[in-house]
Amino acid sequence: MSRWGKRKEKFGGDSEAKAYPNKVAKTEDSDDSENIVVCELSGKRRVSVRSWQGKIWVDIRDFYEKDGKVLPGKKGITLNMDQWNILRDHIEEIDEAVSEKS
């Protein structure tokens, strides 16, 4: 018996491999999100509103194309409604600051 087998026995395991559930890839039907693309900021950047796990989110994200499908990338930000409301309430101040810098 190998030392690994002894180690498993020492910690209460058996020498047979345990069966773990298979990972199931998400399909579009199993996802409970609804995306509404509000606007495209550029060719690969979008603003969308979606519902996920019973909450509404504002998503500003870069997208990429793979195998003919447009998929969301890692680069981006997702705002919950509290964060979105704060940003929306300060949009005039942000706009003024941008005007001062340009």
N, C-alpha and C. Protein backbone atom coordinates (compact mmCIF):
# COMPACT_ATOMS: atom_id res chain seq x y z
N MET A 1 0.85 -1.17 0.00
CA MET A 1 0.00 0.00 0.00
C MET A 1 0.90 1.24 0.00
N SER A 2 0.51 2.26 -0.78
CA SER A 2 1.32 3.47 -0.86
C SER A 2 1.10 4.32 0.38
N ARG A 3 1.99 5.26 0.56
CA ARG A 3 1.84 6.12 1.73
C ARG A 3 0.60 6.99 1.64
N TRP A 4 0.15 7.27 0.41
CA TRP A 4 -1.06 8.09 0.25
C TRP A 4 -2.28 7.31 0.70
N GLY A 5 -2.29 6.02 0.41
CA GLY A 5 -3.41 5.20 0.86
C GLY A 5 -3.47 5.14 2.38
N LYS A 6 -2.31 5.05 3.03
CA LYS A 6 -2.27 5.05 4.49
C LYS A 6 -2.78 6.37 5.05
N ARG A 7 -2.41 7.45 4.38
CA ARG A 7 -2.82 8.77 4.85
C ARG A 7 -4.34 8.92 4.79
N LYS A 8 -4.95 8.42 3.71
CA LYS A 8 -6.40 8.50 3.60
C LYS A 8 -7.05 7.72 4.73
N GLU A 9 -6.51 6.55 5.01
CA GLU A 9 -7.09 5.73 6.07
C GLU A 9 -6.92 6.39 7.42
N LYS A 10 -5.80 7.08 7.60
CA LYS A 10 -5.51 7.75 8.87
C LYS A 10 -6.56 8.83 9.16
N PHE A 11 -7.01 9.52 8.12
CA PHE A 11 -7.96 10.60 8.31
C PHE A 11 -9.40 10.17 8.05
N GLY A 12 -9.67 8.91 8.07
CA GLY A 12 -11.03 8.42 7.98
C GLY A 12 -11.52 8.18 6.57
N GLY A 13 -10.71 8.38 5.57
CA GLY A 13 -11.13 8.13 4.20
C GLY A 13 -10.88 6.70 3.81
N ASP A 14 -11.47 6.28 2.73
CA ASP A 14 -11.19 4.94 2.25
C ASP A 14 -10.29 5.05 1.03
N SER A 15 -9.75 3.95 0.60
CA SER A 15 -8.80 3.98 -0.52
C SER A 15 -9.50 4.16 -1.86
N GLU A 16 -10.82 4.02 -1.91
CA GLU A 16 -11.54 4.22 -3.16
C GLU A 16 -11.83 5.71 -3.35
N ALA A 17 -11.83 6.14 -4.60
CA ALA A 17 -12.12 7.54 -4.89
C ALA A 17 -13.58 7.83 -4.62
N LYS A 18 -13.84 8.99 -4.02
CA LYS A 18 -15.22 9.39 -3.75
C LYS A 18 -15.82 9.98 -5.01
N ALA A 19 -17.10 9.74 -5.20
CA ALA A 19 -17.78 10.27 -6.38
C ALA A 19 -18.30 11.67 -6.07
N TYR A 20 -17.84 12.65 -6.84
CA TYR A 20 -18.30 14.02 -6.70
C TYR A 20 -19.28 14.32 -7.82
N PRO A 21 -20.26 15.18 -7.58
CA PRO A 21 -21.21 15.50 -8.64
C PRO A 21 -20.50 16.21 -9.78
N ASN A 22 -20.93 15.92 -11.00
CA ASN A 22 -20.35 16.56 -12.16
C ASN A 22 -20.76 18.01 -12.21
N LYS A 23 -19.85 18.86 -12.69
CA LYS A 23 -20.18 20.26 -12.88
C LYS A 23 -21.03 20.37 -14.13
N VAL A 24 -22.07 21.17 -14.06
CA VAL A 24 -22.96 21.35 -15.19
C VAL A 24 -22.78 22.77 -15.71
N ALA A 25 -22.50 22.89 -16.98
CA ALA A 25 -22.34 24.21 -17.58
C ALA A 25 -23.69 24.89 -17.65
N LYS A 26 -23.68 26.20 -17.39
CA LYS A 26 -24.92 26.96 -17.47
C LYS A 26 -25.33 27.13 -18.91
N THR A 27 -26.59 26.98 -19.13
CA THR A 27 -27.12 27.28 -20.46
C THR A 27 -27.95 28.54 -20.35
N GLU A 28 -28.31 29.09 -21.47
CA GLU A 28 -29.10 30.30 -21.45
C GLU A 28 -30.44 30.08 -20.77
N ASP A 29 -30.98 28.87 -20.86
CA ASP A 29 -32.27 28.58 -20.25
C ASP A 29 -32.17 28.50 -18.73
N SER A 30 -30.98 28.09 -18.20
CA SER A 30 -30.86 27.93 -16.76
C SER A 30 -30.51 29.24 -16.07
N ASP A 31 -30.17 30.27 -16.80
CA ASP A 31 -29.81 31.55 -16.24
C ASP A 31 -31.07 32.37 -16.04
N ASP A 32 -31.25 32.94 -14.84
CA ASP A 32 -32.47 33.69 -14.58
C ASP A 32 -32.29 35.18 -14.87
N SER A 33 -31.26 35.54 -15.63
CA SER A 33 -31.02 36.95 -15.90
C SER A 33 -31.69 37.38 -17.19
N GLU A 34 -32.13 38.63 -17.20
CA GLU A 34 -32.69 39.25 -18.39
C GLU A 34 -31.86 40.49 -18.67
N ASN A 35 -31.15 40.52 -19.78
CA ASN A 35 -30.34 41.68 -20.12
C ASN A 35 -31.12 42.60 -21.04
N ILE A 36 -31.09 43.88 -20.72
CA ILE A 36 -31.62 44.90 -21.60
C ILE A 36 -30.45 45.81 -21.93
N VAL A 37 -30.00 45.77 -23.18
CA VAL A 37 -28.89 46.62 -23.58
C VAL A 37 -29.45 48.03 -23.78
N VAL A 38 -28.97 48.95 -22.95
CA VAL A 38 -29.45 50.32 -23.00
C VAL A 38 -28.73 51.08 -24.11
N CYS A 39 -27.40 50.93 -24.17
CA CYS A 39 -26.66 51.59 -25.25
C CYS A 39 -25.30 50.93 -25.41
N GLU A 40 -24.73 51.14 -26.58
CA GLU A 40 -23.36 50.71 -26.85
C GLU A 40 -22.49 51.94 -26.80
N LEU A 41 -21.53 51.95 -25.89
CA LEU A 41 -20.64 53.10 -25.74
C LEU A 41 -19.58 53.12 -26.82
N SER A 42 -19.17 51.95 -27.25
CA SER A 42 -18.24 51.79 -28.36
C SER A 42 -18.51 50.42 -28.96
N GLY A 43 -17.66 50.01 -29.89
CA GLY A 43 -17.89 48.73 -30.54
C GLY A 43 -17.95 47.54 -29.60
N LYS A 44 -17.19 47.62 -28.50
CA LYS A 44 -17.12 46.47 -27.59
C LYS A 44 -17.53 46.80 -26.16
N ARG A 45 -18.04 47.98 -25.91
CA ARG A 45 -18.45 48.37 -24.56
C ARG A 45 -19.93 48.70 -24.54
N ARG A 46 -20.63 48.12 -23.56
CA ARG A 46 -22.09 48.28 -23.49
C ARG A 46 -22.53 48.66 -22.08
N VAL A 47 -23.67 49.34 -22.03
CA VAL A 47 -24.36 49.57 -20.77
C VAL A 47 -25.64 48.75 -20.83
N SER A 48 -25.86 47.93 -19.84
CA SER A 48 -27.07 47.12 -19.82
C SER A 48 -27.67 47.10 -18.42
N VAL A 49 -28.94 46.82 -18.36
CA VAL A 49 -29.65 46.64 -17.11
C VAL A 49 -30.13 45.21 -17.09
N ARG A 50 -29.91 44.55 -15.96
CA ARG A 50 -30.32 43.16 -15.90
C ARG A 50 -30.90 42.83 -14.53
N SER A 51 -31.66 41.78 -14.52
CA SER A 51 -32.23 41.26 -13.30
C SER A 51 -31.53 39.94 -13.02
N TRP A 52 -30.98 39.82 -11.81
CA TRP A 52 -30.28 38.59 -11.45
C TRP A 52 -30.50 38.31 -9.97
N GLN A 53 -30.92 37.13 -9.68
CA GLN A 53 -31.23 36.68 -8.32
C GLN A 53 -32.21 37.63 -7.63
N GLY A 54 -33.19 38.10 -8.39
CA GLY A 54 -34.22 38.95 -7.84
C GLY A 54 -33.84 40.40 -7.62
N LYS A 55 -32.65 40.79 -8.07
CA LYS A 55 -32.20 42.17 -7.91
C LYS A 55 -31.90 42.77 -9.28
N ILE A 56 -31.96 44.11 -9.35
CA ILE A 56 -31.68 44.81 -10.60
C ILE A 56 -30.27 45.39 -10.53
N TRP A 57 -29.53 45.24 -11.63
CA TRP A 57 -28.13 45.67 -11.71
C TRP A 57 -27.91 46.50 -12.97
N VAL A 58 -27.06 47.52 -12.87
CA VAL A 58 -26.62 48.30 -14.03
C VAL A 58 -25.20 47.85 -14.31
N ASP A 59 -24.98 47.38 -15.52
CA ASP A 59 -23.70 46.77 -15.90
C ASP A 59 -23.05 47.57 -17.02
N ILE A 60 -21.83 48.05 -16.80
CA ILE A 60 -21.03 48.72 -17.82
C ILE A 60 -19.84 47.80 -18.07
N ARG A 61 -19.77 47.20 -19.25
CA ARG A 61 -18.83 46.11 -19.45
C ARG A 61 -18.29 46.05 -20.87
N ASP A 62 -17.04 45.58 -20.98
CA ASP A 62 -16.44 45.27 -22.28
C ASP A 62 -16.89 43.88 -22.70
N PHE A 63 -17.11 43.70 -23.98
CA PHE A 63 -17.50 42.41 -24.53
C PHE A 63 -16.45 41.95 -25.54
N TYR A 64 -16.42 40.66 -25.79
CA TYR A 64 -15.52 40.10 -26.80
C TYR A 64 -16.28 39.06 -27.60
N GLU A 65 -15.72 38.71 -28.75
CA GLU A 65 -16.36 37.74 -29.62
C GLU A 65 -15.56 36.45 -29.61
N LYS A 66 -16.28 35.33 -29.45
CA LYS A 66 -15.65 34.01 -29.46
C LYS A 66 -16.60 33.04 -30.13
N ASP A 67 -16.12 32.37 -31.14
CA ASP A 67 -16.90 31.38 -31.88
C ASP A 67 -18.22 31.97 -32.39
N GLY A 68 -18.17 33.21 -32.84
CA GLY A 68 -19.35 33.86 -33.39
C GLY A 68 -20.33 34.39 -32.37
N LYS A 69 -20.02 34.26 -31.08
CA LYS A 69 -20.89 34.75 -30.02
C LYS A 69 -20.24 35.95 -29.34
N VAL A 70 -21.04 36.91 -28.95
CA VAL A 70 -20.55 38.07 -28.20
C VAL A 70 -20.75 37.76 -26.72
N LEU A 71 -19.64 37.77 -25.97
CA LEU A 71 -19.66 37.38 -24.57
C LEU A 71 -19.14 38.51 -23.68
N PRO A 72 -19.63 38.59 -22.43
CA PRO A 72 -19.13 39.62 -21.51
C PRO A 72 -17.72 39.30 -21.05
N GLY A 73 -16.89 40.33 -20.96
CA GLY A 73 -15.52 40.15 -20.50
C GLY A 73 -15.39 40.44 -19.01
N LYS A 74 -14.16 40.34 -18.52
CA LYS A 74 -13.89 40.59 -17.11
C LYS A 74 -13.88 42.08 -16.79
N LYS A 75 -13.50 42.90 -17.77
CA LYS A 75 -13.38 44.33 -17.53
C LYS A 75 -14.75 44.98 -17.52
N GLY A 76 -15.08 45.60 -16.43
CA GLY A 76 -16.36 46.28 -16.32
C GLY A 76 -16.73 46.47 -14.88
N ILE A 77 -17.89 47.07 -14.69
CA ILE A 77 -18.40 47.30 -13.35
C ILE A 77 -19.89 47.03 -13.33
N THR A 78 -20.34 46.44 -12.25
CA THR A 78 -21.76 46.17 -12.05
C THR A 78 -22.19 46.94 -10.81
N LEU A 79 -23.21 47.77 -10.97
CA LEU A 79 -23.69 48.60 -9.86
C LEU A 79 -25.05 48.10 -9.39
N ASN A 80 -25.21 47.99 -8.06
CA ASN A 80 -26.53 47.68 -7.54
C ASN A 80 -27.35 48.97 -7.55
N MET A 81 -28.59 48.91 -7.18
CA MET A 81 -29.46 50.08 -7.29
C MET A 81 -29.02 51.22 -6.38
N ASP A 82 -28.51 50.92 -5.20
CA ASP A 82 -28.02 51.98 -4.31
C ASP A 82 -26.85 52.72 -4.95
N GLN A 83 -25.90 51.97 -5.50
CA GLN A 83 -24.74 52.58 -6.15
C GLN A 83 -25.16 53.37 -7.39
N TRP A 84 -26.08 52.81 -8.17
CA TRP A 84 -26.56 53.50 -9.36
C TRP A 84 -27.22 54.82 -8.99
N ASN A 85 -28.05 54.84 -7.95
CA ASN A 85 -28.73 56.06 -7.52
C ASN A 85 -27.74 57.14 -7.07
N ILE A 86 -26.69 56.73 -6.37
CA ILE A 86 -25.66 57.69 -5.95
C ILE A 86 -24.97 58.28 -7.17
N LEU A 87 -24.59 57.45 -8.12
CA LEU A 87 -23.94 57.94 -9.34
C LEU A 87 -24.88 58.87 -10.10
N ARG A 88 -26.11 58.47 -10.26
CA ARG A 88 -27.09 59.28 -10.99
C ARG A 88 -27.31 60.63 -10.32
N ASP A 89 -27.36 60.65 -8.99
CA ASP A 89 -27.58 61.89 -8.26
C ASP A 89 -26.39 62.85 -8.36
N HIS A 90 -25.22 62.33 -8.65
CA HIS A 90 -24.01 63.16 -8.73
C HIS A 90 -23.55 63.41 -10.16
N ILE A 91 -24.37 63.11 -11.14
CA ILE A 91 -23.96 63.22 -12.54
C ILE A 91 -23.64 64.66 -12.93
N GLU A 92 -24.37 65.64 -12.39
CA GLU A 92 -24.08 67.05 -12.71
C GLU A 92 -22.71 67.46 -12.19
N GLU A 93 -22.38 67.04 -10.96
CA GLU A 93 -21.07 67.35 -10.39
C GLU A 93 -19.95 66.69 -11.19
N ILE A 94 -20.18 65.48 -11.62
CA ILE A 94 -19.19 64.77 -12.44
C ILE A 94 -19.02 65.50 -13.77
N ASP A 95 -20.13 65.91 -14.37
CA ASP A 95 -20.10 66.63 -15.64
C ASP A 95 -19.34 67.96 -15.50
N GLU A 96 -19.56 68.68 -14.39
CA GLU A 96 -18.85 69.94 -14.13
C GLU A 96 -17.36 69.69 -13.99
N ALA A 97 -16.97 68.64 -13.27
CA ALA A 97 -15.56 68.32 -13.07
C ALA A 97 -14.90 67.96 -14.40
N VAL A 98 -15.61 67.26 -15.26
CA VAL A 98 -15.08 66.91 -16.58
C VAL A 98 -14.89 68.19 -17.41
N SER A 99 -15.86 69.11 -17.32
CA SER A 99 -15.77 70.37 -18.06
C SER A 99 -14.57 71.20 -17.60
N GLU A 100 -14.31 71.22 -16.29
CA GLU A 100 -13.16 71.95 -15.77
C GLU A 100 -11.83 71.38 -16.25
N LYS A 101 -11.77 70.08 -16.39
CA LYS A 101 -10.52 69.40 -16.77
C LYS A 101 -10.26 69.48 -18.28
N SER A 102 -11.30 69.75 -19.07
CA SER A 102 -11.10 69.75 -20.53
C SER A 102 -10.96 71.14 -21.09
